[in-house]
Amino acid sequence: MGPQFGECVWGCGSDAPFNQEHIIGRQFAKALGMPFPVPIKWGDIERSTGREIMHGEALEKELAICLDDRVCERCNGNWMKKLDDLTVRFMRPALEHEGRVQLESKKQLHVARWANKVGLLLALWFHDQPMDSRSHRKGRNYVPANNFTRLYEKSRELPKYTRIWVGAIDPALPVSECFVTADSIRSASGSVGYLAAFRLKRIVFFVSGLDVTYDGPLEDWPNPERVTKDRRAMRRLWPTSERVIEWPPPARLQADDLDAVIKLAPGLR
């Protein structure tokens, strides 16, 4: 389940034609020093056995992460581009040379909105794609349409029940430059939300959200801080909990941490 075809996913009401939406934009490719479209891996993350790095079985290289006929030209060239440009400006040292950045609360909001945009579009991409992998079949992912419209409508906040974290990979860990994955959050009554994890070189984002009308329990909310060896490795961007967030955080993500974070998809009970 996801936003219906035939209109812009953001619910903008525009009559502008659709265009091809590259989920990782040209600005980010340039700042990262990578080709555009950005080459992406998807599937199982590399994990450590303690002696060696084991590669996942479902890795694909040079995968185009694009959405066709889902986003209108007006949204793509207006607020989405502005959000991309602003986030690149705030994160440029981290993107270009993995330098340290400080995000005050206002910057945290903007970067969180950008990560939410990317997370929702990734979840939709996995929803729309006819994947060969049994774990990512077309239509399998649940993507609540009201999260798209709320993000579009609310410039100073994110959709209700949205949570976002950012982390940093240990520089010594040999990993692919970019990686994406997404899944559904499920309850006893069915799918109620989504989660997405993606990384741009050493930067890791974890995004999760529920349908804004959800009224069930939240005890088992997906939280990457609970599955990493050092809770300081993932810092929460939204809802804002710290006056200033620094990247990289005090601790770095190891291979097992990445595996645990990306596979974090508990059911709400």
Protein backbone atom coordinates (compact mmCIF):
# COMPACT_ATOMS: atom_id res chain seq x y z
CA MET A 1 0.00 0.00 0.00
CA GLY A 2 1.25 3.47 -0.83
CA PRO A 3 0.26 6.75 -2.48
CA GLN A 4 -1.93 6.17 -5.52
CA PHE A 5 -0.58 6.61 -9.02
CA GLY A 6 -1.71 9.47 -11.24
CA GLU A 7 -0.97 12.38 -8.89
CA CYS A 8 2.06 13.80 -7.11
CA VAL A 9 2.83 11.81 -3.97
CA TRP A 10 3.16 15.02 -1.96
CA GLY A 11 -0.51 15.88 -2.49
CA CYS A 12 0.40 19.33 -3.78
CA GLY A 13 -2.59 19.53 -6.15
CA SER A 14 -0.38 20.76 -8.97
CA ASP A 15 -1.18 20.19 -12.62
CA ALA A 16 2.56 20.23 -13.41
CA PRO A 17 3.79 17.20 -15.37
CA PHE A 18 5.72 14.41 -13.70
CA ASN A 19 9.45 14.03 -14.02
CA GLN A 20 12.01 11.40 -13.05
CA GLU A 21 12.91 11.78 -9.38
CA HIS A 22 16.44 10.79 -8.39
CA ILE A 23 16.12 10.07 -4.68
CA ILE A 24 19.76 10.96 -4.05
CA GLY A 25 20.03 14.29 -5.87
CA ARG A 26 22.67 15.76 -8.13
CA GLN A 27 23.79 18.18 -5.38
CA PHE A 28 24.67 15.26 -3.11
CA ALA A 29 26.49 13.38 -5.85
CA LYS A 30 28.64 16.44 -6.53
CA ALA A 31 29.37 17.04 -2.84
CA LEU A 32 30.23 13.35 -2.35
CA GLY A 33 32.51 13.34 -5.40
CA MET A 34 30.43 10.55 -6.95
CA PRO A 35 28.95 10.04 -10.41
CA PHE A 36 25.32 10.93 -11.01
CA PRO A 37 23.00 9.03 -10.84
CA VAL A 38 24.57 7.81 -7.61
CA PRO A 39 25.47 4.08 -7.79
CA ILE A 40 23.65 2.27 -5.00
CA LYS A 41 23.83 -1.12 -3.35
CA TRP A 42 20.76 -2.71 -1.84
CA GLY A 43 20.19 -5.92 0.06
CA ASP A 44 21.94 -7.53 3.02
CA ILE A 45 24.59 -5.44 4.74
CA GLU A 46 28.13 -6.65 5.23
CA ARG A 47 28.53 -8.09 8.71
CA SER A 48 31.45 -9.13 10.84
CA THR A 49 31.96 -12.64 12.19
CA GLY A 50 34.81 -11.43 14.39
CA ARG A 51 37.38 -12.75 11.91
CA GLU A 52 36.23 -11.47 8.55
CA ILE A 53 33.61 -9.37 6.77
CA MET A 54 30.80 -11.48 5.33
CA HIS A 55 29.01 -10.04 2.33
CA GLY A 56 25.25 -10.28 2.07
CA GLU A 57 23.73 -12.55 -0.55
CA ALA A 58 21.44 -9.97 -2.14
CA LEU A 59 23.72 -7.15 -3.21
CA GLU A 60 23.22 -5.38 -6.54
CA LYS A 61 25.61 -2.77 -7.95
CA GLU A 62 24.84 0.30 -10.06
CA LEU A 63 21.16 0.21 -9.17
CA ALA A 64 19.22 3.30 -10.31
CA ILE A 65 17.22 4.69 -7.42
CA CYS A 66 14.67 6.71 -9.39
CA LEU A 67 10.92 7.14 -9.26
CA ASP A 68 8.96 7.63 -12.48
CA ASP A 69 5.61 9.43 -12.58
CA ARG A 70 5.47 9.90 -8.83
CA VAL A 71 6.73 13.46 -8.23
CA CYS A 72 5.68 16.54 -10.17
CA GLU A 73 8.12 19.03 -11.72
CA ARG A 74 6.91 21.82 -9.45
CA CYS A 75 7.73 19.95 -6.24
CA ASN A 76 10.97 18.60 -7.65
CA GLY A 77 12.25 22.00 -8.76
CA ASN A 78 10.88 24.03 -5.87
CA TRP A 79 10.71 22.96 -2.20
CA MET A 80 12.51 19.64 -2.73
CA LYS A 81 15.45 21.31 -4.47
CA LYS A 82 15.62 24.03 -1.81
CA LEU A 83 15.66 21.36 0.92
CA ASP A 84 18.45 19.48 -0.88
CA ASP A 85 20.50 22.66 -1.33
CA LEU A 86 20.09 23.65 2.32
CA THR A 87 21.05 20.21 3.61
CA VAL A 88 24.14 20.09 1.40
CA ARG A 89 25.14 23.48 2.78
CA PHE A 90 24.79 22.30 6.40
CA MET A 91 26.44 18.90 5.81
CA ARG A 92 29.08 19.87 3.22
CA PRO A 93 32.15 19.19 5.43
CA ALA A 94 30.80 15.72 6.26
CA LEU A 95 29.89 15.01 2.62
CA GLU A 96 33.07 16.28 0.99
CA HIS A 97 35.80 15.11 3.38
CA GLU A 98 33.99 13.50 6.33
CA GLY A 99 34.73 16.54 8.45
CA ARG A 100 32.97 17.42 11.68
CA VAL A 101 29.71 19.38 11.58
CA GLN A 102 27.54 20.84 14.32
CA LEU A 103 23.78 20.95 13.88
CA GLU A 104 21.86 23.37 16.08
CA SER A 105 18.13 22.73 16.52
CA LYS A 106 17.10 24.67 13.39
CA LYS A 107 19.63 22.81 11.26
CA GLN A 108 18.54 19.53 12.82
CA LEU A 109 15.00 20.25 11.63
CA HIS A 110 16.11 20.91 8.05
CA VAL A 111 18.39 17.86 7.86
CA ALA A 112 15.68 15.71 9.47
CA ARG A 113 13.12 16.92 6.90
CA TRP A 114 15.54 16.03 4.12
CA ALA A 115 16.20 12.58 5.62
CA ASN A 116 12.44 12.09 6.01
CA LYS A 117 11.92 12.99 2.35
CA VAL A 118 14.59 10.51 1.27
CA GLY A 119 13.30 7.80 3.62
CA LEU A 120 9.74 8.10 2.35
CA LEU A 121 10.83 8.05 -1.29
CA LEU A 122 13.06 5.03 -0.66
CA ALA A 123 10.19 3.18 1.00
CA LEU A 124 8.02 4.05 -2.00
CA TRP A 125 10.73 2.92 -4.42
CA PHE A 126 10.90 -0.48 -2.72
CA HIS A 127 7.09 -0.57 -2.78
CA ASP A 128 6.94 0.11 -6.52
CA GLN A 129 9.85 -2.06 -7.72
CA PRO A 130 9.28 -5.67 -8.86
CA MET A 131 12.31 -7.00 -6.95
CA ASP A 132 13.64 -10.50 -7.52
CA SER A 133 14.54 -10.91 -3.86
CA ARG A 134 11.88 -12.63 -1.79
CA SER A 135 12.47 -10.03 0.93
CA HIS A 136 11.65 -7.07 -1.33
CA ARG A 137 8.68 -7.84 -3.56
CA LYS A 138 6.66 -5.24 -5.42
CA GLY A 139 3.90 -3.88 -3.23
CA ARG A 140 5.26 -5.55 -0.11
CA ASN A 141 6.30 -2.36 1.65
CA TYR A 142 3.69 -0.30 3.42
CA VAL A 143 4.13 3.43 2.77
CA PRO A 144 1.50 5.64 4.48
CA ALA A 145 0.34 8.26 1.98
CA ASN A 146 -0.53 10.74 4.73
CA ASN A 147 3.16 10.98 5.71
CA PHE A 148 3.93 12.49 2.30
CA THR A 149 1.17 15.09 2.51
CA ARG A 150 2.06 16.04 6.10
CA LEU A 151 5.74 16.51 5.25
CA TYR A 152 4.74 18.73 2.32
CA GLU A 153 2.31 20.79 4.41
CA LYS A 154 4.41 21.23 7.58
CA SER A 155 7.66 23.14 6.98
CA ARG A 156 8.50 23.43 10.69
CA GLU A 157 7.84 19.86 11.77
CA LEU A 158 7.66 16.28 10.53
CA PRO A 159 4.69 13.91 10.31
CA LYS A 160 3.42 12.58 13.63
CA TYR A 161 5.25 9.45 14.84
CA THR A 162 8.31 10.17 12.66
CA ARG A 163 11.73 9.53 14.22
CA ILE A 164 15.14 10.03 12.62
CA TRP A 165 18.69 9.17 13.66
CA VAL A 166 22.12 9.85 12.17
CA GLY A 167 25.37 7.97 12.74
CA ALA A 168 28.90 7.47 11.41
CA ILE A 169 30.66 4.35 10.16
CA ASP A 170 34.04 3.42 11.61
CA PRO A 171 36.62 4.76 9.10
CA ALA A 172 38.47 1.45 9.25
CA LEU A 173 35.44 -0.50 8.01
CA PRO A 174 35.54 -1.32 4.27
CA VAL A 175 32.02 -0.61 3.04
CA SER A 176 30.34 0.39 -0.20
CA GLU A 177 29.90 4.12 -0.72
CA CYS A 178 26.10 4.05 -0.70
CA PHE A 179 23.50 1.61 0.55
CA VAL A 180 19.70 1.70 0.86
CA THR A 181 17.02 -0.54 2.34
CA ALA A 182 13.42 -0.18 3.53
CA ASP A 183 10.75 -2.29 5.20
CA SER A 184 7.37 -2.11 6.89
CA ILE A 185 6.52 -1.79 10.57
CA ARG A 186 3.85 -4.27 11.50
CA SER A 187 1.37 -4.76 14.30
CA ALA A 188 -0.89 -7.68 15.10
CA SER A 189 -3.49 -6.17 12.78
CA GLY A 190 -1.13 -5.59 9.84
CA SER A 191 1.33 -3.02 8.54
CA VAL A 192 1.16 0.35 10.27
CA GLY A 193 4.32 2.17 9.20
CA TYR A 194 7.65 2.12 7.43
CA LEU A 195 11.35 2.34 8.12
CA ALA A 196 14.29 3.10 5.85
CA ALA A 197 18.05 3.07 6.33
CA PHE A 198 20.57 4.57 3.96
CA ARG A 199 24.15 5.69 3.95
CA LEU A 200 26.20 8.14 1.94
CA LYS A 201 29.80 7.05 2.36
CA ARG A 202 30.39 7.28 6.15
CA ILE A 203 27.07 8.94 7.03
CA VAL A 204 24.18 6.68 8.08
CA PHE A 205 20.54 7.73 8.43
CA PHE A 206 17.71 5.74 9.97
CA VAL A 207 14.14 6.93 9.35
CA SER A 208 10.90 5.47 10.67
CA GLY A 209 7.29 6.56 10.82
CA LEU A 210 3.75 5.37 11.29
CA ASP A 211 0.49 6.25 9.63
CA VAL A 212 -0.46 9.55 11.29
CA THR A 213 -3.87 8.10 12.25
CA TYR A 214 -2.30 5.19 14.14
CA ASP A 215 -3.63 4.94 17.71
CA GLY A 216 -2.03 1.74 19.00
CA PRO A 217 0.81 1.12 21.48
CA LEU A 218 4.36 2.34 20.82
CA GLU A 219 6.35 0.20 23.24
CA ASP A 220 8.33 -1.55 20.50
CA TRP A 221 9.14 1.52 18.44
CA PRO A 222 12.18 0.86 16.20
CA ASN A 223 15.15 2.49 17.91
CA PRO A 224 18.68 1.99 16.52
CA GLU A 225 20.23 3.14 19.80
CA ARG A 226 19.03 -0.11 21.38
CA VAL A 227 20.76 -2.41 18.90
CA THR A 228 24.21 -0.80 18.64
CA LYS A 229 27.04 -1.84 20.93
CA ASP A 230 27.51 1.79 21.94
CA ARG A 231 24.30 3.83 22.21
CA ARG A 232 26.26 6.97 21.35
CA ALA A 233 26.82 5.74 17.79
CA MET A 234 23.37 6.89 16.61
CA ARG A 235 22.14 10.38 17.53
CA ARG A 236 18.47 11.26 17.25
CA LEU A 237 17.74 14.18 14.93
CA TRP A 238 13.97 14.13 15.37
CA PRO A 239 12.15 14.71 17.60
CA THR A 240 14.88 17.09 18.69
CA SER A 241 16.42 15.93 21.97
CA GLU A 242 19.73 17.82 22.10
CA ARG A 243 20.49 21.49 21.55
CA VAL A 244 23.40 20.60 19.29
CA ILE A 245 24.07 17.33 17.43
CA GLU A 246 27.62 16.68 16.27
CA TRP A 247 28.62 14.48 13.35
CA PRO A 248 30.45 12.19 13.65
CA PRO A 249 28.98 11.13 17.02
CA PRO A 250 31.15 10.11 20.01
CA ALA A 251 31.11 6.45 18.86
CA ARG A 252 31.33 4.84 15.40
CA LEU A 253 29.17 2.11 13.91
CA GLN A 254 30.85 -1.27 13.43
CA ALA A 255 29.86 -3.93 10.88
CA ASP A 256 27.59 -5.76 13.33
CA ASP A 257 25.98 -2.44 14.28
CA LEU A 258 25.18 -1.71 10.63
CA ASP A 259 23.67 -5.15 10.23
CA ALA A 260 21.51 -4.67 13.32
CA VAL A 261 20.38 -1.15 12.41
CA ILE A 262 19.44 -1.95 8.83
CA LYS A 263 17.58 -5.12 9.80
CA LEU A 264 15.69 -3.35 12.59
CA ALA A 265 12.05 -3.98 11.70
CA PRO A 266 10.11 -5.05 14.80
CA GLY A 267 6.38 -5.50 14.91
CA LEU A 268 4.43 -3.21 17.22
CA ARG A 269 2.47 -5.21 19.72
